[in-house]
All heavy atoms as atom14 arrays in JSON, in Angstrom:
{
  "sequence": "GIYASFDGVVQQRIASIGEFLSAGAPVAEIVK",
  "atom14_mask": [
    [1, 1, 1, 1, 0, 0, 0, 0, 0, 0, 0, 0, 0, 0],
    [1, 1, 1, 1, 1, 1, 1, 1, 0, 0, 0, 0, 0, 0],
    [1, 1, 1, 1, 1, 1, 1, 1, 1, 1, 1, 1, 0, 0],
    [1, 1, 1, 1, 1, 0, 0, 0, 0, 0, 0, 0, 0, 0],
    [1, 1, 1, 1, 1, 1, 0, 0, 0, 0, 0, 0, 0, 0],
    [1, 1, 1, 1, 1, 1, 1, 1, 1, 1, 1, 0, 0, 0],
    [1, 1, 1, 1, 1, 1, 1, 1, 0, 0, 0, 0, 0, 0],
    [1, 1, 1, 1, 0, 0, 0, 0, 0, 0, 0, 0, 0, 0],
    [1, 1, 1, 1, 1, 1, 1, 0, 0, 0, 0, 0, 0, 0],
    [1, 1, 1, 1, 1, 1, 1, 0, 0, 0, 0, 0, 0, 0],
    [1, 1, 1, 1, 1, 1, 1, 1, 1, 0, 0, 0, 0, 0],
    [1, 1, 1, 1, 1, 1, 1, 1, 1, 0, 0, 0, 0, 0],
    [1, 1, 1, 1, 1, 1, 1, 1, 1, 1, 1, 0, 0, 0],
    [1, 1, 1, 1, 1, 1, 1, 1, 0, 0, 0, 0, 0, 0],
    [1, 1, 1, 1, 1, 0, 0, 0, 0, 0, 0, 0, 0, 0],
    [1, 1, 1, 1, 1, 1, 0, 0, 0, 0, 0, 0, 0, 0],
    [1, 1, 1, 1, 1, 1, 1, 1, 0, 0, 0, 0, 0, 0],
    [1, 1, 1, 1, 0, 0, 0, 0, 0, 0, 0, 0, 0, 0],
    [1, 1, 1, 1, 1, 1, 1, 1, 1, 0, 0, 0, 0, 0],
    [1, 1, 1, 1, 1, 1, 1, 1, 1, 1, 1, 0, 0, 0],
    [1, 1, 1, 1, 1, 1, 1, 1, 0, 0, 0, 0, 0, 0],
    [1, 1, 1, 1, 1, 1, 0, 0, 0, 0, 0, 0, 0, 0],
    [1, 1, 1, 1, 1, 0, 0, 0, 0, 0, 0, 0, 0, 0],
    [1, 1, 1, 1, 0, 0, 0, 0, 0, 0, 0, 0, 0, 0],
    [1, 1, 1, 1, 1, 0, 0, 0, 0, 0, 0, 0, 0, 0],
    [1, 1, 1, 1, 1, 1, 1, 0, 0, 0, 0, 0, 0, 0],
    [1, 1, 1, 1, 1, 1, 1, 0, 0, 0, 0, 0, 0, 0],
    [1, 1, 1, 1, 1, 0, 0, 0, 0, 0, 0, 0, 0, 0],
    [1, 1, 1, 1, 1, 1, 1, 1, 1, 0, 0, 0, 0, 0],
    [1, 1, 1, 1, 1, 1, 1, 1, 0, 0, 0, 0, 0, 0],
    [1, 1, 1, 1, 1, 1, 1, 0, 0, 0, 0, 0, 0, 0],
    [1, 1, 1, 1, 1, 1, 1, 1, 1, 0, 0, 0, 0, 0]
  ],
  "atom14_positions": [
    [[0.84, -1.2, 0.0], [0.0, 0.0, 0.0], [0.87, 1.24, 0.0], [1.86, 1.32, 0.72], [0.0, 0.0, 0.0], [0.0, 0.0, 0.0], [0.0, 0.0, 0.0], [0.0, 0.0, 0.0], [0.0, 0.0, 0.0], [0.0, 0.0, 0.0], [0.0, 0.0, 0.0], [0.0, 0.0, 0.0], [0.0, 0.0, 0.0], [0.0, 0.0, 0.0]],
    [[0.5, 2.23, -0.82], [1.25, 3.49, -0.95], [0.36, 4.59, -0.4], [-0.78, 4.77, -0.87], [1.63, 3.75, -2.42], [2.41, 2.55, -2.96], [2.44, 5.03, -2.55], [2.48, 2.51, -4.46], [0.0, 0.0, 0.0], [0.0, 0.0, 0.0], [0.0, 0.0, 0.0], [0.0, 0.0, 0.0], [0.0, 0.0, 0.0], [0.0, 0.0, 0.0]],
    [[0.87, 5.36, 0.57], [0.04, 6.33, 1.29], [0.62, 7.74, 1.19], [1.82, 7.93, 0.98], [-0.07, 5.91, 2.77], [-0.66, 4.52, 2.96], [0.17, 3.41, 3.01], [-2.03, 4.35, 3.05], [-0.36, 2.14, 3.17], [-2.57, 3.08, 3.21], [-1.74, 1.97, 3.28], [-2.27, 0.73, 3.42], [0.0, 0.0, 0.0], [0.0, 0.0, 0.0]],
    [[-0.27, 8.73, 1.34], [0.15, 10.14, 1.3], [0.95, 10.47, 2.54], [0.59, 10.07, 3.66], [-1.06, 11.06, 1.19], [0.0, 0.0, 0.0], [0.0, 0.0, 0.0], [0.0, 0.0, 0.0], [0.0, 0.0, 0.0], [0.0, 0.0, 0.0], [0.0, 0.0, 0.0], [0.0, 0.0, 0.0], [0.0, 0.0, 0.0], [0.0, 0.0, 0.0]],
    [[2.05, 11.2, 2.35], [2.92, 11.54, 3.47], [2.49, 12.84, 4.17], [2.96, 13.13, 5.26], [4.36, 11.68, 2.98], [4.43, 12.54, 1.86], [0.0, 0.0, 0.0], [0.0, 0.0, 0.0], [0.0, 0.0, 0.0], [0.0, 0.0, 0.0], [0.0, 0.0, 0.0], [0.0, 0.0, 0.0], [0.0, 0.0, 0.0], [0.0, 0.0, 0.0]],
    [[1.61, 13.64, 3.54], [1.09, 14.85, 4.16], [-0.19, 15.27, 3.45], [-0.53, 14.73, 2.39], [2.13, 16.0, 4.12], [2.72, 16.24, 2.75], [2.02, 16.92, 1.77], [3.99, 15.77, 2.45], [2.56, 17.13, 0.51], [4.54, 15.98, 1.2], [3.82, 16.66, 0.22], [0.0, 0.0, 0.0], [0.0, 0.0, 0.0], [0.0, 0.0, 0.0]],
    [[-0.91, 16.23, 4.05], [-2.12, 16.76, 3.43], [-1.73, 17.56, 2.19], [-0.82, 18.41, 2.25], [-2.88, 17.66, 4.39], [-3.37, 16.91, 5.62], [-3.38, 15.67, 5.57], [-3.74, 17.56, 6.61], [0.0, 0.0, 0.0], [0.0, 0.0, 0.0], [0.0, 0.0, 0.0], [0.0, 0.0, 0.0], [0.0, 0.0, 0.0], [0.0, 0.0, 0.0]],
    [[-2.4, 17.33, 1.08], [-2.04, 18.06, -0.13], [-2.96, 17.73, -1.29], [-4.08, 17.24, -1.11], [0.0, 0.0, 0.0], [0.0, 0.0, 0.0], [0.0, 0.0, 0.0], [0.0, 0.0, 0.0], [0.0, 0.0, 0.0], [0.0, 0.0, 0.0], [0.0, 0.0, 0.0], [0.0, 0.0, 0.0], [0.0, 0.0, 0.0], [0.0, 0.0, 0.0]],
    [[-2.44, 17.99, -2.48], [-3.17, 17.79, -3.73], [-2.27, 17.03, -4.69], [-1.05, 17.27, -4.74], [-3.61, 19.13, -4.35], [-4.39, 18.9, -5.63], [-4.46, 19.92, -3.37], [0.0, 0.0, 0.0], [0.0, 0.0, 0.0], [0.0, 0.0, 0.0], [0.0, 0.0, 0.0], [0.0, 0.0, 0.0], [0.0, 0.0, 0.0], [0.0, 0.0, 0.0]],
    [[-2.86, 16.12, -5.46], [-2.09, 15.37, -6.45], [-1.79, 16.28, -7.63], [-2.7, 16.76, -8.31], [-2.86, 14.12, -6.92], [-2.09, 13.39, -8.01], [-3.12, 13.18, -5.74], [0.0, 0.0, 0.0], [0.0, 0.0, 0.0], [0.0, 0.0, 0.0], [0.0, 0.0, 0.0], [0.0, 0.0, 0.0], [0.0, 0.0, 0.0], [0.0, 0.0, 0.0]],
    [[-0.51, 16.54, -7.85], [-0.09, 17.39, -8.96], [0.11, 16.59, -10.24], [-0.1, 17.1, -11.35], [1.22, 18.1, -8.61], [1.76, 18.98, -9.72], [3.0, 19.74, -9.3], [2.89, 20.69, -8.54], [4.16, 19.32, -9.76], [0.0, 0.0, 0.0], [0.0, 0.0, 0.0], [0.0, 0.0, 0.0], [0.0, 0.0, 0.0], [0.0, 0.0, 0.0]],
    [[0.49, 15.31, -10.1], [0.74, 14.49, -11.28], [0.51, 13.03, -10.94], [0.96, 12.54, -9.92], [2.17, 14.7, -11.78], [2.48, 13.95, -13.07], [3.91, 14.15, -13.51], [4.72, 14.74, -12.81], [4.26, 13.66, -14.7], [0.0, 0.0, 0.0], [0.0, 0.0, 0.0], [0.0, 0.0, 0.0], [0.0, 0.0, 0.0], [0.0, 0.0, 0.0]],
    [[-0.2, 12.35, -11.83], [-0.34, 10.9, -11.72], [0.64, 10.27, -12.7], [0.63, 10.58, -13.89], [-1.78, 10.49, -12.06], [-1.96, 8.99, -12.18], [-3.39, 8.63, -12.47], [-3.53, 7.23, -12.86], [-4.69, 6.61, -12.99], [-5.81, 7.27, -12.8], [-4.73, 5.35, -13.35], [0.0, 0.0, 0.0], [0.0, 0.0, 0.0], [0.0, 0.0, 0.0]],
    [[1.5, 9.37, -12.19], [2.61, 8.86, -13.0], [2.37, 7.43, -13.47], [2.7, 7.09, -14.6], [3.92, 8.95, -12.19], [4.19, 10.41, -11.78], [5.1, 8.41, -12.99], [5.37, 10.59, -10.86], [0.0, 0.0, 0.0], [0.0, 0.0, 0.0], [0.0, 0.0, 0.0], [0.0, 0.0, 0.0], [0.0, 0.0, 0.0], [0.0, 0.0, 0.0]],
    [[1.82, 6.58, -12.61], [1.64, 5.17, -12.95], [0.18, 4.86, -13.26], [-0.72, 5.63, -12.91], [2.14, 4.29, -11.81], [0.0, 0.0, 0.0], [0.0, 0.0, 0.0], [0.0, 0.0, 0.0], [0.0, 0.0, 0.0], [0.0, 0.0, 0.0], [0.0, 0.0, 0.0], [0.0, 0.0, 0.0], [0.0, 0.0, 0.0], [0.0, 0.0, 0.0]],
    [[-0.05, 3.71, -13.9], [-1.4, 3.28, -14.27], [-1.64, 1.86, -13.78], [-0.7, 1.07, -13.59], [-1.58, 3.34, -15.8], [-1.39, 4.66, -16.27], [0.0, 0.0, 0.0], [0.0, 0.0, 0.0], [0.0, 0.0, 0.0], [0.0, 0.0, 0.0], [0.0, 0.0, 0.0], [0.0, 0.0, 0.0], [0.0, 0.0, 0.0], [0.0, 0.0, 0.0]],
    [[-2.89, 1.51, -13.61], [-3.28, 0.18, -13.15], [-2.8, -0.86, -14.15], [-2.92, -0.7, -15.37], [-4.81, 0.1, -12.96], [-5.24, 1.03, -11.82], [-5.24, -1.33, -12.67], [-6.73, 1.06, -11.61], [0.0, 0.0, 0.0], [0.0, 0.0, 0.0], [0.0, 0.0, 0.0], [0.0, 0.0, 0.0], [0.0, 0.0, 0.0], [0.0, 0.0, 0.0]],
    [[-2.25, -1.98, -13.62], [-1.75, -3.06, -14.46], [-0.29, -2.93, -14.81], [0.32, -3.88, -15.31], [0.0, 0.0, 0.0], [0.0, 0.0, 0.0], [0.0, 0.0, 0.0], [0.0, 0.0, 0.0], [0.0, 0.0, 0.0], [0.0, 0.0, 0.0], [0.0, 0.0, 0.0], [0.0, 0.0, 0.0], [0.0, 0.0, 0.0], [0.0, 0.0, 0.0]],
    [[0.31, -1.78, -14.54], [1.72, -1.57, -14.85], [2.58, -2.26, -13.8], [2.31, -2.19, -12.6], [2.0, -0.08, -14.88], [3.41, 0.28, -15.27], [3.6, 1.78, -15.35], [2.61, 2.53, -15.18], [4.77, 2.22, -15.56], [0.0, 0.0, 0.0], [0.0, 0.0, 0.0], [0.0, 0.0, 0.0], [0.0, 0.0, 0.0], [0.0, 0.0, 0.0]],
    [[3.66, -2.98, -14.26], [4.57, -3.6, -13.31], [5.6, -2.57, -12.89], [6.28, -1.96, -13.7], [5.27, -4.82, -13.94], [6.11, -5.58, -12.94], [5.54, -6.57, -12.17], [7.45, -5.28, -12.78], [6.29, -7.27, -11.24], [8.22, -5.98, -11.85], [7.63, -6.98, -11.08], [0.0, 0.0, 0.0], [0.0, 0.0, 0.0], [0.0, 0.0, 0.0]],
    [[5.72, -2.39, -11.57], [6.61, -1.38, -11.02], [7.76, -2.04, -10.28], [7.56, -3.0, -9.53], [5.84, -0.47, -10.05], [4.61, 0.24, -10.61], [3.91, 1.02, -9.52], [5.0, 1.16, -11.76], [0.0, 0.0, 0.0], [0.0, 0.0, 0.0], [0.0, 0.0, 0.0], [0.0, 0.0, 0.0], [0.0, 0.0, 0.0], [0.0, 0.0, 0.0]],
    [[8.94, -1.53, -10.47], [10.09, -1.99, -9.69], [10.1, -1.25, -8.36], [9.4, -0.24, -8.18], [11.38, -1.74, -10.46], [11.52, -0.35, -10.74], [0.0, 0.0, 0.0], [0.0, 0.0, 0.0], [0.0, 0.0, 0.0], [0.0, 0.0, 0.0], [0.0, 0.0, 0.0], [0.0, 0.0, 0.0], [0.0, 0.0, 0.0], [0.0, 0.0, 0.0]],
    [[10.89, -1.74, -7.41], [10.98, -1.09, -6.11], [11.5, 0.34, -6.28], [12.51, 0.57, -6.96], [11.9, -1.88, -5.19], [0.0, 0.0, 0.0], [0.0, 0.0, 0.0], [0.0, 0.0, 0.0], [0.0, 0.0, 0.0], [0.0, 0.0, 0.0], [0.0, 0.0, 0.0], [0.0, 0.0, 0.0], [0.0, 0.0, 0.0], [0.0, 0.0, 0.0]],
    [[10.8, 1.29, -5.68], [11.18, 2.69, -5.76], [10.58, 3.43, -6.94], [10.83, 4.64, -7.1], [0.0, 0.0, 0.0], [0.0, 0.0, 0.0], [0.0, 0.0, 0.0], [0.0, 0.0, 0.0], [0.0, 0.0, 0.0], [0.0, 0.0, 0.0], [0.0, 0.0, 0.0], [0.0, 0.0, 0.0], [0.0, 0.0, 0.0], [0.0, 0.0, 0.0]],
    [[9.78, 2.77, -7.78], [9.19, 3.43, -8.94], [8.18, 4.48, -8.49], [7.38, 4.25, -7.57], [8.51, 2.41, -9.84], [0.0, 0.0, 0.0], [0.0, 0.0, 0.0], [0.0, 0.0, 0.0], [0.0, 0.0, 0.0], [0.0, 0.0, 0.0], [0.0, 0.0, 0.0], [0.0, 0.0, 0.0], [0.0, 0.0, 0.0], [0.0, 0.0, 0.0]],
    [[8.15, 5.68, -9.11], [7.2, 6.73, -8.71], [5.78, 6.39, -9.15], [5.57, 5.78, -10.2], [7.74, 7.97, -9.45], [8.45, 7.43, -10.63], [9.04, 6.12, -10.2], [0.0, 0.0, 0.0], [0.0, 0.0, 0.0], [0.0, 0.0, 0.0], [0.0, 0.0, 0.0], [0.0, 0.0, 0.0], [0.0, 0.0, 0.0], [0.0, 0.0, 0.0]],
    [[4.83, 6.83, -8.34], [3.42, 6.58, -8.62], [2.65, 7.88, -8.82], [1.85, 8.02, -9.74], [2.77, 5.75, -7.48], [1.27, 5.62, -7.68], [3.42, 4.38, -7.41], [0.0, 0.0, 0.0], [0.0, 0.0, 0.0], [0.0, 0.0, 0.0], [0.0, 0.0, 0.0], [0.0, 0.0, 0.0], [0.0, 0.0, 0.0], [0.0, 0.0, 0.0]],
    [[2.89, 8.87, -7.96], [2.19, 10.16, -8.06], [3.03, 11.23, -7.37], [3.88, 10.93, -6.52], [0.8, 10.08, -7.42], [0.0, 0.0, 0.0], [0.0, 0.0, 0.0], [0.0, 0.0, 0.0], [0.0, 0.0, 0.0], [0.0, 0.0, 0.0], [0.0, 0.0, 0.0], [0.0, 0.0, 0.0], [0.0, 0.0, 0.0], [0.0, 0.0, 0.0]],
    [[2.77, 12.48, -7.75], [3.45, 13.61, -7.12], [2.42, 14.43, -6.36], [1.38, 14.79, -6.9], [4.14, 14.48, -8.16], [4.98, 15.6, -7.55], [5.77, 16.39, -8.57], [5.73, 16.0, -9.77], [6.42, 17.37, -8.19], [0.0, 0.0, 0.0], [0.0, 0.0, 0.0], [0.0, 0.0, 0.0], [0.0, 0.0, 0.0], [0.0, 0.0, 0.0]],
    [[2.71, 14.7, -5.09], [1.79, 15.41, -4.2], [2.43, 16.72, -3.77], [3.63, 16.77, -3.48], [1.44, 14.56, -2.96], [0.8, 13.23, -3.4], [0.51, 15.3, -2.02], [0.54, 12.29, -2.26], [0.0, 0.0, 0.0], [0.0, 0.0, 0.0], [0.0, 0.0, 0.0], [0.0, 0.0, 0.0], [0.0, 0.0, 0.0], [0.0, 0.0, 0.0]],
    [[1.63, 17.78, -3.75], [2.12, 19.09, -3.28], [1.23, 19.58, -2.15], [0.02, 19.33, -2.13], [2.15, 20.13, -4.42], [3.16, 19.74, -5.47], [0.77, 20.28, -5.07], [0.0, 0.0, 0.0], [0.0, 0.0, 0.0], [0.0, 0.0, 0.0], [0.0, 0.0, 0.0], [0.0, 0.0, 0.0], [0.0, 0.0, 0.0], [0.0, 0.0, 0.0]],
    [[1.85, 20.28, -1.21], [1.12, 20.92, -0.11], [0.95, 22.39, -0.46], [1.94, 23.1, -0.67], [1.87, 20.77, 1.2], [1.15, 21.35, 2.41], [1.94, 21.08, 3.67], [1.2, 21.62, 4.91], [1.95, 21.34, 6.15], [0.0, 0.0, 0.0], [0.0, 0.0, 0.0], [0.0, 0.0, 0.0], [0.0, 0.0, 0.0], [0.0, 0.0, 0.0]]
  ]
}
């Protein structure tokens, strides 16, 4: 499970459902 580290807004969605991700791969960018 990947969780938000602080209250904010999603600035960019990077990954899509079904995509195989390696460890450390980015999923979304959040801004406060």
